[in-house]
N, C-alpha and C. Protein backbone atom coordinates (compact mmCIF):
# COMPACT_ATOMS: atom_id res chain seq x y z
N MET A 1 162.46 59.24 92.04
CA MET A 1 162.56 59.09 93.48
C MET A 1 162.87 57.61 93.77
N ILE A 2 163.89 57.39 94.57
CA ILE A 2 164.30 56.04 94.95
C ILE A 2 163.81 55.77 96.37
N ASN A 3 163.02 54.72 96.53
CA ASN A 3 162.51 54.36 97.85
C ASN A 3 163.57 53.56 98.62
N LEU A 4 163.87 54.00 99.84
CA LEU A 4 164.83 53.32 100.70
C LEU A 4 164.17 52.99 102.02
N THR A 5 164.24 51.72 102.41
CA THR A 5 163.72 51.30 103.69
C THR A 5 164.88 50.82 104.54
N LEU A 6 164.96 51.35 105.74
CA LEU A 6 166.05 50.99 106.66
C LEU A 6 165.78 49.65 107.30
N PRO A 7 166.82 48.86 107.61
CA PRO A 7 168.24 49.19 107.41
C PRO A 7 168.62 49.11 105.93
N ILE A 8 169.63 49.88 105.57
CA ILE A 8 170.09 49.95 104.19
C ILE A 8 171.36 49.09 104.05
N SER A 9 171.47 48.42 102.93
CA SER A 9 172.64 47.56 102.69
C SER A 9 173.77 48.37 102.06
N ASP A 10 174.97 47.83 102.16
CA ASP A 10 176.12 48.46 101.50
C ASP A 10 175.91 48.52 99.99
N LYS A 11 175.26 47.51 99.44
CA LYS A 11 174.98 47.49 98.00
C LYS A 11 174.06 48.67 97.63
N GLN A 12 173.05 48.92 98.46
CA GLN A 12 172.16 50.06 98.19
C GLN A 12 172.93 51.38 98.29
N ILE A 13 173.80 51.49 99.29
CA ILE A 13 174.60 52.70 99.44
C ILE A 13 175.44 52.93 98.19
N ARG A 14 176.08 51.88 97.71
CA ARG A 14 176.94 52.00 96.52
C ARG A 14 176.16 52.34 95.26
N SER A 15 174.87 52.01 95.24
CA SER A 15 174.06 52.27 94.05
C SER A 15 173.60 53.73 93.95
N LEU A 16 173.69 54.46 95.03
CA LEU A 16 173.21 55.85 95.04
C LEU A 16 174.30 56.81 94.61
N LYS A 17 173.90 57.79 93.85
CA LYS A 17 174.84 58.79 93.32
C LYS A 17 174.43 60.19 93.77
N ALA A 18 175.42 61.05 93.91
CA ALA A 18 175.16 62.45 94.26
C ALA A 18 174.13 63.02 93.30
N GLY A 19 173.10 63.64 93.85
CA GLY A 19 172.01 64.21 93.05
C GLY A 19 170.76 63.36 93.02
N ASP A 20 170.87 62.07 93.37
CA ASP A 20 169.67 61.22 93.43
C ASP A 20 168.73 61.74 94.50
N THR A 21 167.43 61.57 94.27
CA THR A 21 166.45 61.88 95.30
C THR A 21 165.93 60.58 95.87
N VAL A 22 165.74 60.57 97.19
CA VAL A 22 165.30 59.36 97.87
C VAL A 22 164.11 59.66 98.76
N ALA A 23 163.33 58.61 99.03
CA ALA A 23 162.25 58.65 100.01
C ALA A 23 162.63 57.62 101.07
N LEU A 24 163.05 58.10 102.23
CA LEU A 24 163.59 57.25 103.29
C LEU A 24 162.52 56.88 104.30
N SER A 25 162.45 55.60 104.63
CA SER A 25 161.50 55.11 105.64
C SER A 25 162.23 54.21 106.63
N GLY A 26 161.86 54.33 107.90
CA GLY A 26 162.47 53.52 108.94
C GLY A 26 162.79 54.37 110.15
N VAL A 27 163.64 53.84 111.03
CA VAL A 27 164.00 54.54 112.26
C VAL A 27 165.34 55.23 112.10
N ILE A 28 165.35 56.53 112.38
CA ILE A 28 166.56 57.33 112.37
C ILE A 28 166.71 57.98 113.74
N HIS A 29 167.89 58.51 114.03
CA HIS A 29 168.13 59.16 115.32
C HIS A 29 168.54 60.61 115.10
N THR A 30 168.04 61.49 115.94
CA THR A 30 168.48 62.88 115.91
C THR A 30 169.69 63.04 116.80
N ALA A 31 170.59 63.91 116.41
CA ALA A 31 171.73 64.29 117.24
C ALA A 31 172.35 65.54 116.65
N ARG A 32 172.52 66.52 117.51
CA ARG A 32 173.23 67.74 117.12
C ARG A 32 174.58 67.76 117.80
N ASP A 33 175.27 68.90 117.77
CA ASP A 33 176.64 68.95 118.25
C ASP A 33 176.81 68.58 119.72
N ALA A 34 175.93 69.00 120.60
CA ALA A 34 176.07 68.65 122.02
C ALA A 34 175.97 67.13 122.22
N ALA A 35 175.03 66.50 121.53
CA ALA A 35 174.89 65.04 121.63
C ALA A 35 176.08 64.34 120.98
N HIS A 36 176.55 64.86 119.85
CA HIS A 36 177.73 64.28 119.21
C HIS A 36 178.93 64.31 120.15
N LYS A 37 179.10 65.43 120.83
CA LYS A 37 180.22 65.56 121.76
C LYS A 37 180.13 64.49 122.85
N ARG A 38 178.95 64.32 123.42
CA ARG A 38 178.78 63.32 124.48
C ARG A 38 178.99 61.90 123.96
N ILE A 39 178.48 61.62 122.78
CA ILE A 39 178.67 60.28 122.21
C ILE A 39 180.15 60.01 122.01
N CYS A 40 180.89 60.98 121.49
CA CYS A 40 182.32 60.80 121.27
C CYS A 40 183.07 60.65 122.60
N GLU A 41 182.65 61.38 123.62
CA GLU A 41 183.27 61.23 124.95
C GLU A 41 183.00 59.82 125.50
N THR A 42 181.81 59.32 125.27
CA THR A 42 181.46 57.96 125.70
C THR A 42 182.36 56.94 124.99
N LEU A 43 182.56 57.12 123.70
CA LEU A 43 183.42 56.21 122.94
C LEU A 43 184.87 56.28 123.43
N GLU A 44 185.33 57.49 123.75
CA GLU A 44 186.70 57.65 124.26
C GLU A 44 186.89 56.87 125.57
N LYS A 45 185.84 56.78 126.37
CA LYS A 45 185.89 56.05 127.64
C LYS A 45 185.67 54.55 127.43
N ARG A 46 185.51 54.16 126.17
CA ARG A 46 185.25 52.76 125.80
C ARG A 46 183.95 52.24 126.44
N GLU A 47 182.97 53.14 126.51
CA GLU A 47 181.64 52.80 127.01
C GLU A 47 180.68 52.71 125.84
N GLN A 48 179.52 52.11 126.08
CA GLN A 48 178.50 51.96 125.04
C GLN A 48 177.79 53.29 124.80
N PRO A 49 177.70 53.73 123.55
CA PRO A 49 176.92 54.94 123.26
C PRO A 49 175.42 54.65 123.42
N PRO A 50 174.60 55.68 123.50
CA PRO A 50 173.17 55.47 123.73
C PRO A 50 172.41 54.88 122.55
N ILE A 51 173.03 54.87 121.37
CA ILE A 51 172.40 54.26 120.20
C ILE A 51 173.41 53.31 119.56
N GLU A 52 172.90 52.35 118.84
CA GLU A 52 173.75 51.44 118.07
C GLU A 52 174.28 52.21 116.87
N LEU A 53 175.59 52.38 116.80
CA LEU A 53 176.18 53.16 115.71
C LEU A 53 176.33 52.36 114.42
N ASP A 54 176.47 51.05 114.53
CA ASP A 54 176.64 50.22 113.34
C ASP A 54 175.36 50.28 112.50
N GLY A 55 175.44 50.93 111.35
CA GLY A 55 174.28 51.09 110.47
C GLY A 55 173.40 52.29 110.79
N ALA A 56 173.82 53.10 111.75
CA ALA A 56 172.98 54.22 112.20
C ALA A 56 172.74 55.26 111.11
N VAL A 57 171.57 55.87 111.20
CA VAL A 57 171.21 57.03 110.38
C VAL A 57 171.01 58.17 111.36
N ILE A 58 171.81 59.22 111.22
CA ILE A 58 171.78 60.33 112.17
C ILE A 58 171.32 61.59 111.47
N TYR A 59 170.23 62.14 111.99
CA TYR A 59 169.62 63.36 111.45
C TYR A 59 170.05 64.52 112.33
N TYR A 60 170.72 65.49 111.73
CA TYR A 60 171.18 66.67 112.45
C TYR A 60 169.99 67.61 112.65
N CYS A 61 169.31 67.37 113.74
CA CYS A 61 168.04 68.03 113.97
C CYS A 61 167.80 68.17 115.47
N GLY A 62 167.20 69.25 115.86
CA GLY A 62 166.77 69.45 117.24
C GLY A 62 165.29 69.74 117.24
N PRO A 63 164.47 68.68 117.32
CA PRO A 63 163.02 68.88 117.21
C PRO A 63 162.47 69.74 118.35
N THR A 64 161.50 70.55 118.00
CA THR A 64 160.81 71.34 119.03
C THR A 64 159.70 70.48 119.63
N PRO A 65 159.24 70.86 120.84
CA PRO A 65 158.18 70.07 121.47
C PRO A 65 156.93 70.00 120.59
N ALA A 66 156.27 68.86 120.66
CA ALA A 66 155.04 68.66 119.89
C ALA A 66 153.88 69.41 120.54
N ARG A 67 153.03 69.94 119.72
CA ARG A 67 151.78 70.51 120.22
C ARG A 67 150.85 69.36 120.56
N GLU A 68 149.86 69.63 121.35
CA GLU A 68 148.91 68.58 121.74
C GLU A 68 148.32 67.93 120.49
N GLY A 69 148.33 66.60 120.49
CA GLY A 69 147.78 65.83 119.38
C GLY A 69 148.76 65.59 118.23
N GLU A 70 149.97 66.15 118.32
CA GLU A 70 150.97 65.96 117.27
C GLU A 70 152.07 65.04 117.77
N VAL A 71 152.78 64.41 116.84
CA VAL A 71 153.86 63.48 117.15
C VAL A 71 155.13 64.24 117.53
N ILE A 72 155.39 65.35 116.85
CA ILE A 72 156.64 66.09 116.99
C ILE A 72 156.39 67.53 116.58
N GLY A 73 157.22 68.43 117.07
CA GLY A 73 157.16 69.81 116.62
C GLY A 73 157.99 69.97 115.36
N SER A 74 158.33 71.18 115.05
CA SER A 74 159.16 71.46 113.89
C SER A 74 160.47 70.68 114.01
N CYS A 75 160.93 70.10 112.90
CA CYS A 75 162.15 69.29 112.96
C CYS A 75 162.96 69.39 111.68
N GLY A 76 163.33 70.62 111.36
CA GLY A 76 164.15 70.84 110.19
C GLY A 76 165.62 70.57 110.47
N PRO A 77 166.42 70.42 109.43
CA PRO A 77 167.84 70.12 109.59
C PRO A 77 168.62 71.33 110.10
N THR A 78 169.69 71.04 110.83
CA THR A 78 170.61 72.09 111.23
C THR A 78 171.86 72.01 110.37
N THR A 79 172.69 73.01 110.45
CA THR A 79 173.89 73.08 109.63
C THR A 79 174.85 71.95 109.98
N SER A 80 175.14 71.12 109.01
CA SER A 80 175.93 69.90 109.22
C SER A 80 177.37 70.17 109.62
N ALA A 81 177.95 71.26 109.17
CA ALA A 81 179.35 71.55 109.48
C ALA A 81 179.61 71.58 110.98
N ARG A 82 178.57 71.86 111.76
CA ARG A 82 178.74 71.89 113.22
C ARG A 82 179.08 70.51 113.79
N MET A 83 178.82 69.45 113.03
CA MET A 83 179.11 68.09 113.48
C MET A 83 180.40 67.54 112.86
N ASP A 84 181.07 68.33 112.04
CA ASP A 84 182.22 67.83 111.29
C ASP A 84 183.40 67.39 112.16
N ASP A 85 183.55 67.94 113.35
CA ASP A 85 184.62 67.49 114.24
C ASP A 85 184.34 66.10 114.81
N TYR A 86 183.08 65.71 114.86
CA TYR A 86 182.67 64.45 115.48
C TYR A 86 182.27 63.37 114.47
N ALA A 87 181.75 63.78 113.33
CA ALA A 87 181.19 62.84 112.36
C ALA A 87 182.17 61.74 111.93
N PRO A 88 183.45 62.05 111.65
CA PRO A 88 184.35 60.96 111.23
C PRO A 88 184.45 59.84 112.27
N THR A 89 184.41 60.18 113.55
CA THR A 89 184.45 59.17 114.61
C THR A 89 183.22 58.28 114.55
N LEU A 90 182.04 58.88 114.37
CA LEU A 90 180.81 58.09 114.31
C LEU A 90 180.76 57.24 113.05
N ILE A 91 181.25 57.78 111.96
CA ILE A 91 181.30 57.01 110.70
C ILE A 91 182.23 55.81 110.86
N ALA A 92 183.37 56.03 111.50
CA ALA A 92 184.32 54.94 111.73
C ALA A 92 183.72 53.85 112.62
N GLN A 93 182.75 54.22 113.46
CA GLN A 93 182.08 53.27 114.34
C GLN A 93 180.90 52.59 113.66
N GLY A 94 180.64 52.94 112.38
CA GLY A 94 179.60 52.24 111.62
C GLY A 94 178.41 53.06 111.20
N ALA A 95 178.32 54.33 111.62
CA ALA A 95 177.20 55.17 111.17
C ALA A 95 177.24 55.24 109.64
N LYS A 96 176.11 55.02 108.99
CA LYS A 96 176.07 54.91 107.53
C LYS A 96 175.53 56.15 106.82
N ILE A 97 174.57 56.82 107.45
CA ILE A 97 173.92 57.94 106.78
C ILE A 97 173.82 59.11 107.73
N MET A 98 174.16 60.29 107.21
CA MET A 98 173.97 61.55 107.93
C MET A 98 172.97 62.37 107.13
N ILE A 99 172.09 63.06 107.84
CA ILE A 99 171.11 63.92 107.19
C ILE A 99 171.25 65.31 107.76
N GLY A 100 171.36 66.30 106.90
CA GLY A 100 171.48 67.68 107.37
C GLY A 100 171.37 68.65 106.22
N LYS A 101 172.06 69.78 106.37
CA LYS A 101 172.09 70.77 105.29
C LYS A 101 173.47 71.41 105.26
N GLY A 102 173.89 71.79 104.08
CA GLY A 102 175.14 72.51 103.91
C GLY A 102 176.34 71.63 103.64
N LYS A 103 177.46 72.30 103.38
CA LYS A 103 178.72 71.64 103.00
C LYS A 103 179.30 70.84 104.16
N ARG A 104 180.17 69.89 103.80
CA ARG A 104 180.89 69.05 104.78
C ARG A 104 182.39 69.25 104.60
N SER A 105 183.14 68.92 105.63
CA SER A 105 184.60 69.07 105.60
C SER A 105 185.24 67.94 104.80
N GLU A 106 186.51 68.13 104.49
CA GLU A 106 187.28 67.11 103.79
C GLU A 106 187.41 65.86 104.67
N ALA A 107 187.50 66.04 105.98
CA ALA A 107 187.61 64.89 106.90
C ALA A 107 186.35 64.03 106.85
N VAL A 108 185.18 64.66 106.75
CA VAL A 108 183.93 63.91 106.64
C VAL A 108 183.90 63.19 105.30
N ARG A 109 184.27 63.89 104.24
CA ARG A 109 184.30 63.26 102.91
C ARG A 109 185.22 62.04 102.94
N ASP A 110 186.40 62.18 103.51
CA ASP A 110 187.34 61.07 103.56
C ASP A 110 186.76 59.88 104.33
N ALA A 111 186.06 60.15 105.44
CA ALA A 111 185.45 59.06 106.23
C ALA A 111 184.33 58.39 105.46
N VAL A 112 183.52 59.17 104.76
CA VAL A 112 182.43 58.61 103.95
C VAL A 112 183.00 57.66 102.89
N VAL A 113 184.08 58.08 102.25
CA VAL A 113 184.70 57.25 101.21
C VAL A 113 185.33 56.00 101.84
N LYS A 114 186.07 56.18 102.91
CA LYS A 114 186.78 55.05 103.54
C LYS A 114 185.83 53.99 104.07
N TYR A 115 184.73 54.42 104.71
CA TYR A 115 183.83 53.48 105.39
C TYR A 115 182.54 53.19 104.64
N GLY A 116 182.30 53.92 103.54
CA GLY A 116 181.10 53.66 102.73
C GLY A 116 179.82 54.19 103.33
N GLY A 117 179.67 55.48 103.30
CA GLY A 117 178.47 56.10 103.85
C GLY A 117 177.83 57.06 102.87
N LEU A 118 176.85 57.79 103.35
CA LEU A 118 176.13 58.79 102.55
C LEU A 118 175.85 60.01 103.39
N TYR A 119 175.80 61.14 102.71
CA TYR A 119 175.30 62.37 103.33
C TYR A 119 174.09 62.79 102.52
N LEU A 120 172.94 62.84 103.19
CA LEU A 120 171.70 63.23 102.54
C LEU A 120 171.31 64.63 102.99
N ALA A 121 170.85 65.44 102.05
CA ALA A 121 170.45 66.81 102.36
C ALA A 121 168.94 66.89 102.48
N ALA A 122 168.52 67.58 103.54
CA ALA A 122 167.11 67.89 103.76
C ALA A 122 166.92 69.37 103.43
N VAL A 123 165.70 69.74 103.17
CA VAL A 123 165.40 71.13 102.82
C VAL A 123 165.47 71.99 104.08
N GLY A 124 166.40 72.95 104.07
CA GLY A 124 166.51 73.87 105.18
C GLY A 124 165.35 74.84 105.22
N GLY A 125 164.95 75.26 106.40
CA GLY A 125 163.85 76.22 106.54
C GLY A 125 162.48 75.60 106.37
N ALA A 126 162.41 74.27 106.32
CA ALA A 126 161.14 73.58 106.08
C ALA A 126 160.82 72.62 107.21
N GLY A 127 161.03 73.06 108.46
CA GLY A 127 160.81 72.20 109.62
C GLY A 127 159.39 71.67 109.70
N ALA A 128 158.42 72.49 109.30
CA ALA A 128 157.02 72.03 109.33
C ALA A 128 156.79 70.92 108.31
N LEU A 129 157.44 71.03 107.15
CA LEU A 129 157.34 69.97 106.14
C LEU A 129 158.02 68.71 106.65
N MET A 130 159.21 68.84 107.21
CA MET A 130 159.96 67.68 107.66
C MET A 130 159.21 66.91 108.74
N LYS A 131 158.47 67.61 109.59
CA LYS A 131 157.73 66.91 110.65
C LYS A 131 156.62 66.05 110.08
N SER A 132 156.16 66.35 108.87
CA SER A 132 155.07 65.56 108.28
C SER A 132 155.51 64.13 107.95
N TYR A 133 156.82 63.89 107.87
CA TYR A 133 157.35 62.56 107.59
C TYR A 133 157.47 61.70 108.85
N VAL A 134 157.39 62.33 110.02
CA VAL A 134 157.63 61.64 111.29
C VAL A 134 156.33 61.03 111.81
N LYS A 135 156.36 59.72 112.01
CA LYS A 135 155.18 58.99 112.49
C LYS A 135 155.26 58.67 113.99
N LYS A 136 156.49 58.67 114.53
CA LYS A 136 156.69 58.36 115.94
C LYS A 136 157.97 59.03 116.40
N CYS A 137 157.99 59.50 117.65
CA CYS A 137 159.16 60.17 118.21
C CYS A 137 159.34 59.73 119.66
N ASP A 138 160.52 59.18 119.99
CA ASP A 138 160.82 58.74 121.36
C ASP A 138 162.15 59.31 121.81
N LEU A 139 162.18 59.83 123.03
CA LEU A 139 163.42 60.28 123.64
C LEU A 139 164.28 59.06 123.94
N ILE A 140 165.55 59.11 123.54
CA ILE A 140 166.47 57.99 123.75
C ILE A 140 167.52 58.33 124.80
N ALA A 141 168.12 59.52 124.73
CA ALA A 141 169.21 59.86 125.65
C ALA A 141 169.40 61.37 125.75
N TYR A 142 170.07 61.76 126.82
CA TYR A 142 170.49 63.14 127.05
C TYR A 142 169.31 64.11 127.11
N GLY A 143 168.27 63.72 127.81
CA GLY A 143 167.09 64.57 127.94
C GLY A 143 167.39 65.96 128.48
N ASP A 144 168.49 66.07 129.25
CA ASP A 144 168.88 67.38 129.79
C ASP A 144 169.28 68.37 128.70
N LEU A 145 169.52 67.88 127.50
CA LEU A 145 169.90 68.76 126.39
C LEU A 145 168.68 69.37 125.68
N GLY A 146 167.48 69.05 126.14
CA GLY A 146 166.27 69.61 125.53
C GLY A 146 166.14 69.17 124.09
N CYS A 147 165.97 70.15 123.20
CA CYS A 147 165.78 69.80 121.78
C CYS A 147 167.02 69.15 121.19
N GLU A 148 168.17 69.27 121.84
CA GLU A 148 169.40 68.64 121.33
C GLU A 148 169.60 67.22 121.86
N ALA A 149 168.62 66.70 122.57
CA ALA A 149 168.68 65.31 123.04
C ALA A 149 168.66 64.37 121.84
N VAL A 150 168.92 63.10 122.11
CA VAL A 150 168.85 62.08 121.05
C VAL A 150 167.45 61.49 121.05
N TYR A 151 166.80 61.56 119.91
CA TYR A 151 165.46 61.00 119.72
C TYR A 151 165.51 59.93 118.64
N ALA A 152 164.65 58.94 118.77
CA ALA A 152 164.42 57.98 117.69
C ALA A 152 163.18 58.44 116.96
N LEU A 153 163.31 58.63 115.67
CA LEU A 153 162.18 59.04 114.84
C LEU A 153 161.85 57.93 113.86
N GLU A 154 160.60 57.55 113.83
CA GLU A 154 160.15 56.65 112.77
C GLU A 154 159.63 57.54 111.65
N VAL A 155 160.28 57.46 110.50
CA VAL A 155 159.91 58.31 109.37
C VAL A 155 159.36 57.48 108.23
N GLU A 156 158.54 58.14 107.43
CA GLU A 156 157.95 57.48 106.27
C GLU A 156 158.08 58.37 105.06
N ASN A 157 158.78 57.85 104.05
CA ASN A 157 158.96 58.56 102.78
C ASN A 157 159.53 59.97 102.95
N MET A 158 160.52 60.10 103.82
CA MET A 158 161.19 61.39 104.03
C MET A 158 161.99 61.71 102.76
N GLU A 159 161.61 62.80 102.12
CA GLU A 159 162.23 63.16 100.84
C GLU A 159 163.55 63.90 101.07
N LEU A 160 164.61 63.33 100.51
CA LEU A 160 165.97 63.83 100.70
C LEU A 160 166.75 63.74 99.39
N ILE A 161 167.87 64.44 99.33
CA ILE A 161 168.74 64.42 98.16
C ILE A 161 170.09 63.86 98.58
N VAL A 162 170.66 62.97 97.77
CA VAL A 162 172.01 62.48 98.05
C VAL A 162 172.96 63.64 97.75
N ALA A 163 173.47 64.26 98.83
CA ALA A 163 174.37 65.40 98.69
C ALA A 163 175.81 64.95 98.53
N MET A 164 176.14 63.77 99.13
CA MET A 164 177.47 63.18 98.96
C MET A 164 177.31 61.68 98.91
N ASP A 165 177.82 61.08 97.85
CA ASP A 165 177.72 59.62 97.74
C ASP A 165 178.95 58.95 98.34
N CYS A 166 178.96 57.64 98.33
CA CYS A 166 180.03 56.89 98.99
C CYS A 166 181.38 57.00 98.29
N LEU A 167 181.41 57.62 97.12
CA LEU A 167 182.66 57.87 96.40
C LEU A 167 183.19 59.27 96.68
N GLY A 168 182.42 60.04 97.46
CA GLY A 168 182.83 61.41 97.78
C GLY A 168 182.35 62.45 96.81
N ASN A 169 181.60 62.02 95.79
CA ASN A 169 181.02 62.98 94.85
C ASN A 169 179.95 63.77 95.58
N THR A 170 179.90 65.08 95.30
CA THR A 170 178.95 65.93 96.01
C THR A 170 178.26 66.92 95.07
N ILE A 171 177.09 67.31 95.47
CA ILE A 171 176.37 68.35 94.74
C ILE A 171 176.64 69.73 95.36
N LEU A 172 177.33 69.73 96.50
CA LEU A 172 177.59 70.98 97.23
C LEU A 172 178.94 71.56 96.83
N ARG A 173 178.98 72.80 96.54
CA ARG A 173 180.23 73.47 96.15
C ARG A 173 180.54 74.61 97.05
């Protein structure tokens, strides 16, 4: 297990290979397809997106509301392919790491290779496990989207697998 603390350097990104397991700590942002669409529309208008994209870590997740006394509800990954139309734009704007589940398009692979990023896989169907890594959760933008809003999550030792490295090598077939 490789411990990674955000922000991550380009050197660290280049050192990771498809199949490596990592324990990620730091602040990440949630965003699903509705939020991705809005962020891309904001960029098209040459306006500031709600999060800093340079160095961003985006978790494809729509957390459920927290029960009383909890930080967050279930927060498992959603299918990453749903973001494939938008991800290359965010990667080109500096997003470094995407977290989700499932295969990615050739366009995403090309952007990861061109700009030097990573795609990390989380365990699907394990939303209760994934929430155990979250120490803090704050609404950042698009509250009208409910669980698809953008949240900042402070995570500690979130266990993930490098599904695609910065050279485009992947464990997904």
